Amino acid sequence: MTTTLRKAQAERPAAPRRRRRISGLHLYTLLLIAWLILPIAIMILFGFNDIQGKQNFRWQGFTLKWYAQLFDRSDLTTAVINSLTIALLSTLITTVLGTFAGLALGRYRFRGKGSTNLLLFMAISCPEIVMGASLLSMFVTFNLPRGYLTILVAHVMFSIAFVAVTVRARVVGLDPAVEEAAQDLGAGPWTRFRLVTLPMIMPGVLAGALLAFVLSIDDFIITNFTSGATVTFPLWIYGSTRTGTPPQVNVMGTLIFAVGVVIAVASARRTFRASR
């Protein structure tokens, strides 16, 4: 009986495979992704362009020499260092302040909580040119010389709202019974925060920190208002467009993009493992 069934199944013609059809929504999504990736692909490609003059707008050949000559432009190197150090410092300061602000807003009730939430969302939705002009007016009023320090202060001021809102969203979804159980077991406030609360809100903290770093390193408008004589990477690129942007800019952008992708992938994997 079993042999007869097997022969019948073997002789039965195979069902034709259904052709996968791409819907209009799928096609639109693919086109949108291609449109978003295109500028990044062009930036990476022209980092290998063997240009003969100052302009880097036409493909002239393949070369790797710009990676070897990455730090030959001292002014460009200084600008990149300024951008990276300001982004790292502002991210560190913003993450600490924004994390505690998000904890307070997501967990406690206090007078002025609604006004604080409104202020944070106003900072997020405020146009950059308005914030830049306001910060410039403040620095001029207090007679503060514009430079590295004023850029750092400005970046902290516009980034802290993003971190606080991100952490607040994470805190609202936490189960307070976990911390209460740790308190019943004798854990003090600092121990509860370090061993219980912080690991649970860490995905939100990391997301806010990455967002603050990205906002800082590529900011142009607010930085232009508060920079003075200090030049960051975006400001240097804007100035170089008048005489010709060298391929080292594309190489720097490619490396920064690659580091950002690695950090984002590592953060996503960490979040995925924590959620399992």
Protein backbone atom coordinates (compact mmCIF):
# COMPACT_ATOMS: atom_id res chain seq x y z
CA MET A 1 0.00 0.00 0.00
CA THR A 2 2.77 2.41 0.92
CA THR A 3 4.68 1.58 -2.28
CA THR A 4 1.60 2.23 -4.41
CA LEU A 5 1.07 5.64 -2.76
CA ARG A 6 4.69 6.60 -3.37
CA LYS A 7 4.46 5.63 -7.04
CA ALA A 8 1.25 7.62 -7.43
CA GLN A 9 2.86 10.68 -5.83
CA ALA A 10 5.93 10.32 -8.06
CA GLU A 11 3.83 10.07 -11.22
CA ARG A 12 1.64 13.04 -10.26
CA PRO A 13 2.73 16.13 -12.22
CA ALA A 14 4.34 18.81 -10.12
CA ALA A 15 2.19 21.83 -9.40
CA PRO A 16 3.32 24.86 -11.36
CA ARG A 17 5.19 27.40 -9.27
CA ARG A 18 3.35 30.61 -8.67
CA ARG A 19 5.25 33.56 -9.98
CA ARG A 20 5.89 36.17 -7.35
CA ARG A 21 4.40 39.42 -8.47
CA ILE A 22 5.78 42.73 -7.29
CA SER A 23 2.95 44.93 -6.12
CA GLY A 24 2.86 48.66 -6.58
CA LEU A 25 3.69 49.22 -2.92
CA HIS A 26 6.76 46.98 -3.14
CA LEU A 27 7.94 48.77 -6.27
CA TYR A 28 7.44 52.15 -4.62
CA THR A 29 9.41 51.02 -1.56
CA LEU A 30 12.31 49.76 -3.71
CA LEU A 31 12.40 53.01 -5.67
CA LEU A 32 12.35 55.05 -2.47
CA ILE A 33 15.21 53.04 -0.98
CA ALA A 34 17.21 53.42 -4.21
CA TRP A 35 16.57 57.18 -4.17
CA LEU A 36 17.83 57.44 -0.59
CA ILE A 37 20.92 55.29 -1.25
CA LEU A 38 21.89 57.04 -4.49
CA PRO A 39 23.62 60.10 -2.93
CA ILE A 40 25.56 57.87 -0.53
CA ALA A 41 26.62 55.59 -3.38
CA ILE A 42 27.80 58.59 -5.42
CA MET A 43 29.78 59.90 -2.44
CA ILE A 44 31.50 56.53 -1.99
CA LEU A 45 32.16 56.16 -5.72
CA PHE A 46 33.76 59.58 -6.15
CA GLY A 47 36.11 58.86 -3.27
CA PHE A 48 37.90 56.61 -5.80
CA ASN A 49 37.86 59.19 -8.62
CA ASP A 50 41.29 59.91 -10.12
CA ILE A 51 40.71 63.60 -10.75
CA GLN A 52 43.28 65.72 -12.61
CA GLY A 53 42.09 69.17 -11.52
CA LYS A 54 40.19 70.65 -8.57
CA GLN A 55 36.67 69.65 -9.58
CA ASN A 56 35.34 66.26 -8.56
CA PHE A 57 32.12 66.19 -10.57
CA ARG A 58 33.12 63.98 -13.52
CA TRP A 59 34.43 60.41 -13.39
CA GLN A 60 38.02 60.29 -14.67
CA GLY A 61 39.34 56.93 -13.50
CA PHE A 62 39.72 54.61 -10.53
CA THR A 63 42.35 55.11 -7.84
CA LEU A 64 43.00 54.36 -4.18
CA LYS A 65 45.47 57.19 -3.62
CA TRP A 66 42.99 59.45 -1.84
CA TYR A 67 42.72 56.94 1.00
CA ALA A 68 46.51 57.04 1.35
CA GLN A 69 46.45 60.87 1.18
CA LEU A 70 43.50 61.23 3.52
CA PHE A 71 45.33 63.43 6.04
CA ASP A 72 47.36 65.48 3.57
CA ARG A 73 44.94 68.39 3.94
CA SER A 74 45.68 69.67 7.44
CA ASP A 75 42.76 72.12 7.46
CA LEU A 76 40.35 69.33 6.53
CA THR A 77 41.81 67.06 9.20
CA THR A 78 41.39 69.80 11.82
CA ALA A 79 37.77 70.32 10.78
CA VAL A 80 37.02 66.60 11.05
CA ILE A 81 38.66 66.42 14.48
CA ASN A 82 36.58 69.40 15.64
CA SER A 83 33.37 67.74 14.43
CA LEU A 84 34.19 64.38 16.02
CA THR A 85 35.27 65.76 19.40
CA ILE A 86 32.30 68.13 19.60
CA ALA A 87 29.93 65.30 18.64
CA LEU A 88 31.43 62.93 21.22
CA LEU A 89 31.44 65.49 24.04
CA SER A 90 27.95 66.76 23.28
CA THR A 91 26.66 63.19 23.05
CA LEU A 92 28.18 62.30 26.42
CA ILE A 93 26.76 65.39 28.14
CA THR A 94 23.41 65.13 26.40
CA THR A 95 23.01 61.43 27.15
CA VAL A 96 23.58 61.92 30.88
CA LEU A 97 21.30 64.96 31.20
CA GLY A 98 18.67 63.62 28.81
CA THR A 99 18.54 60.21 30.50
CA PHE A 100 17.77 61.68 33.92
CA ALA A 101 15.28 64.11 32.39
CA GLY A 102 13.54 61.23 30.60
CA LEU A 103 13.42 59.22 33.83
CA ALA A 104 11.84 62.11 35.70
CA LEU A 105 9.28 62.80 32.98
CA GLY A 106 8.36 59.16 32.47
CA ARG A 107 8.12 58.07 36.09
CA TYR A 108 7.27 60.96 38.43
CA ARG A 109 4.57 63.57 38.73
CA PHE A 110 5.71 67.07 39.63
CA ARG A 111 4.64 70.63 39.13
CA GLY A 112 5.60 71.89 35.70
CA LYS A 113 5.78 68.47 34.08
CA GLY A 114 3.39 69.45 31.30
CA SER A 115 5.33 72.64 30.62
CA THR A 116 8.59 70.69 30.51
CA ASN A 117 7.15 68.24 27.98
CA LEU A 118 5.89 71.15 25.88
CA LEU A 119 9.31 72.81 26.04
CA LEU A 120 11.04 69.63 24.85
CA PHE A 121 8.73 69.21 21.89
CA MET A 122 9.12 72.90 21.05
CA ALA A 123 12.90 72.42 20.98
CA ILE A 124 12.48 69.47 18.59
CA SER A 125 10.07 71.25 16.26
CA CYS A 126 11.82 74.64 16.33
CA PRO A 127 13.45 75.55 12.97
CA GLU A 128 17.23 75.41 13.14
CA ILE A 129 17.64 78.92 11.80
CA VAL A 130 15.49 80.27 14.65
CA MET A 131 17.45 78.33 17.26
CA GLY A 132 20.76 79.37 15.72
CA ALA A 133 19.80 83.04 15.69
CA SER A 134 18.54 82.80 19.28
CA LEU A 135 21.75 81.19 20.49
CA LEU A 136 23.80 83.79 18.63
CA SER A 137 21.82 86.57 20.32
CA MET A 138 22.39 84.95 23.72
CA PHE A 139 26.14 84.63 23.20
CA VAL A 140 26.40 88.20 21.97
CA THR A 141 24.30 89.46 24.92
CA PHE A 142 26.59 87.75 27.42
CA ASN A 143 29.65 88.84 25.44
CA LEU A 144 30.85 85.28 24.95
CA PRO A 145 33.41 84.79 22.16
CA ARG A 146 32.13 82.35 19.59
CA GLY A 147 34.21 79.26 18.97
CA TYR A 148 34.60 75.64 20.02
CA LEU A 149 32.88 76.08 23.39
CA THR A 150 29.82 77.89 22.00
CA ILE A 151 29.38 75.19 19.35
CA LEU A 152 29.49 72.54 22.09
CA VAL A 153 26.91 74.40 24.19
CA ALA A 154 24.64 74.84 21.16
CA HIS A 155 24.81 71.16 20.23
CA VAL A 156 23.98 70.11 23.78
CA MET A 157 21.01 72.47 23.85
CA PHE A 158 19.37 71.20 20.66
CA SER A 159 20.19 67.50 21.25
CA ILE A 160 19.05 67.07 24.84
CA ALA A 161 15.35 67.12 23.89
CA PHE A 162 15.78 64.16 21.52
CA VAL A 163 17.48 62.04 24.18
CA ALA A 164 14.95 62.96 26.88
CA VAL A 165 11.97 62.12 24.68
CA THR A 166 13.51 58.80 23.57
CA VAL A 167 14.32 57.72 27.13
CA ARG A 168 10.93 58.89 28.37
CA ALA A 169 9.19 56.65 25.83
CA ARG A 170 11.21 53.69 27.11
CA VAL A 171 10.55 54.47 30.78
CA VAL A 172 6.78 54.71 30.30
CA GLY A 173 6.69 51.08 29.12
CA LEU A 174 8.62 49.66 32.09
CA ASP A 175 7.02 47.46 34.72
CA PRO A 176 7.48 49.15 38.13
CA ALA A 177 7.06 45.79 39.88
CA VAL A 178 10.61 44.82 38.88
CA GLU A 179 12.15 47.73 40.77
CA GLU A 180 9.79 47.17 43.67
CA ALA A 181 10.98 43.57 43.88
CA ALA A 182 14.59 44.75 43.95
CA GLN A 183 13.70 47.19 46.74
CA ASP A 184 12.05 44.41 48.73
CA LEU A 185 15.26 42.40 48.39
CA GLY A 186 17.22 45.21 50.03
CA ALA A 187 18.64 47.07 47.03
CA GLY A 188 19.26 50.77 47.62
CA PRO A 189 18.35 53.55 45.16
CA TRP A 190 21.74 53.55 43.40
CA THR A 191 21.87 49.74 43.27
CA ARG A 192 18.35 49.58 41.82
CA PHE A 193 19.21 52.12 39.18
CA ARG A 194 22.53 50.51 38.24
CA LEU A 195 21.43 46.87 38.21
CA VAL A 196 17.72 47.08 37.32
CA THR A 197 16.60 50.38 35.83
CA LEU A 198 19.60 51.20 33.64
CA PRO A 199 19.73 47.81 31.87
CA MET A 200 16.01 48.03 31.12
CA ILE A 201 16.21 51.55 29.65
CA MET A 202 19.56 50.98 27.92
CA PRO A 203 18.01 50.51 24.41
CA GLY A 204 16.39 53.93 24.73
CA VAL A 205 19.59 55.48 26.07
CA LEU A 206 21.64 54.06 23.20
CA ALA A 207 19.06 55.17 20.63
CA GLY A 208 19.05 58.69 22.06
CA ALA A 209 22.85 58.81 22.16
CA LEU A 210 23.16 57.71 18.53
CA LEU A 211 20.57 60.27 17.50
CA ALA A 212 22.40 63.03 19.38
CA PHE A 213 25.73 62.04 17.78
CA VAL A 214 24.28 62.08 14.27
CA LEU A 215 22.55 65.41 14.80
CA SER A 216 25.75 66.95 16.11
CA ILE A 217 28.26 65.70 13.57
CA ASP A 218 26.32 66.85 10.49
CA ASP A 219 24.79 70.07 11.82
CA PHE A 220 25.46 73.11 9.65
CA ILE A 221 22.91 75.86 10.31
CA ILE A 222 23.20 76.21 14.09
CA THR A 223 26.95 75.63 13.94
CA ASN A 224 27.32 78.37 11.33
CA PHE A 225 25.68 80.86 13.71
CA THR A 226 27.80 79.90 16.73
CA SER A 227 31.15 78.82 15.26
CA GLY A 228 33.15 82.04 15.09
CA ALA A 229 36.59 81.13 13.75
CA THR A 230 36.21 77.41 14.51
CA VAL A 231 35.60 75.26 11.44
CA THR A 232 33.79 71.93 11.54
CA PHE A 233 33.51 69.32 8.81
CA PRO A 234 30.18 70.58 7.35
CA LEU A 235 31.43 74.17 7.40
CA TRP A 236 34.66 73.16 5.65
CA ILE A 237 32.73 71.35 2.91
CA TYR A 238 30.53 74.40 2.34
CA GLY A 239 33.59 76.62 2.03
CA SER A 240 35.38 74.22 -0.31
CA THR A 241 32.54 74.22 -2.85
CA ARG A 242 33.67 77.66 -4.05
CA THR A 243 37.10 76.43 -5.17
CA GLY A 244 36.53 72.69 -5.64
CA THR A 245 35.80 69.92 -3.19
CA PRO A 246 38.72 67.47 -2.95
CA PRO A 247 38.12 63.68 -3.02
CA GLN A 248 39.34 63.47 0.59
CA VAL A 249 35.93 64.87 1.56
CA ASN A 250 34.25 61.87 -0.05
CA VAL A 251 36.67 59.54 1.70
CA MET A 252 36.01 61.17 5.08
CA GLY A 253 32.28 60.97 4.48
CA THR A 254 32.55 57.32 3.49
CA LEU A 255 34.49 56.43 6.63
CA ILE A 256 32.09 58.33 8.90
CA PHE A 257 29.15 56.63 7.19
CA ALA A 258 30.78 53.20 7.60
CA VAL A 259 31.39 53.78 11.31
CA GLY A 260 27.79 54.92 11.73
CA VAL A 261 26.51 51.79 10.01
CA VAL A 262 28.65 49.55 12.23
CA ILE A 263 27.41 51.30 15.39
CA ALA A 264 23.79 51.11 14.24
CA VAL A 265 24.06 47.40 13.40
CA ALA A 266 25.74 46.65 16.74
CA SER A 267 23.05 48.59 18.60
CA ALA A 268 20.28 46.80 16.70
CA ARG A 269 21.80 43.40 17.49
CA ARG A 270 22.13 44.34 21.15
CA THR A 271 18.49 45.43 21.25
CA PHE A 272 17.36 42.26 19.50
CA ARG A 273 19.25 40.04 21.92
CA ALA A 274 17.89 41.94 24.91
CA SER A 275 14.31 41.54 23.66
CA ARG A 276 14.57 37.74 23.20
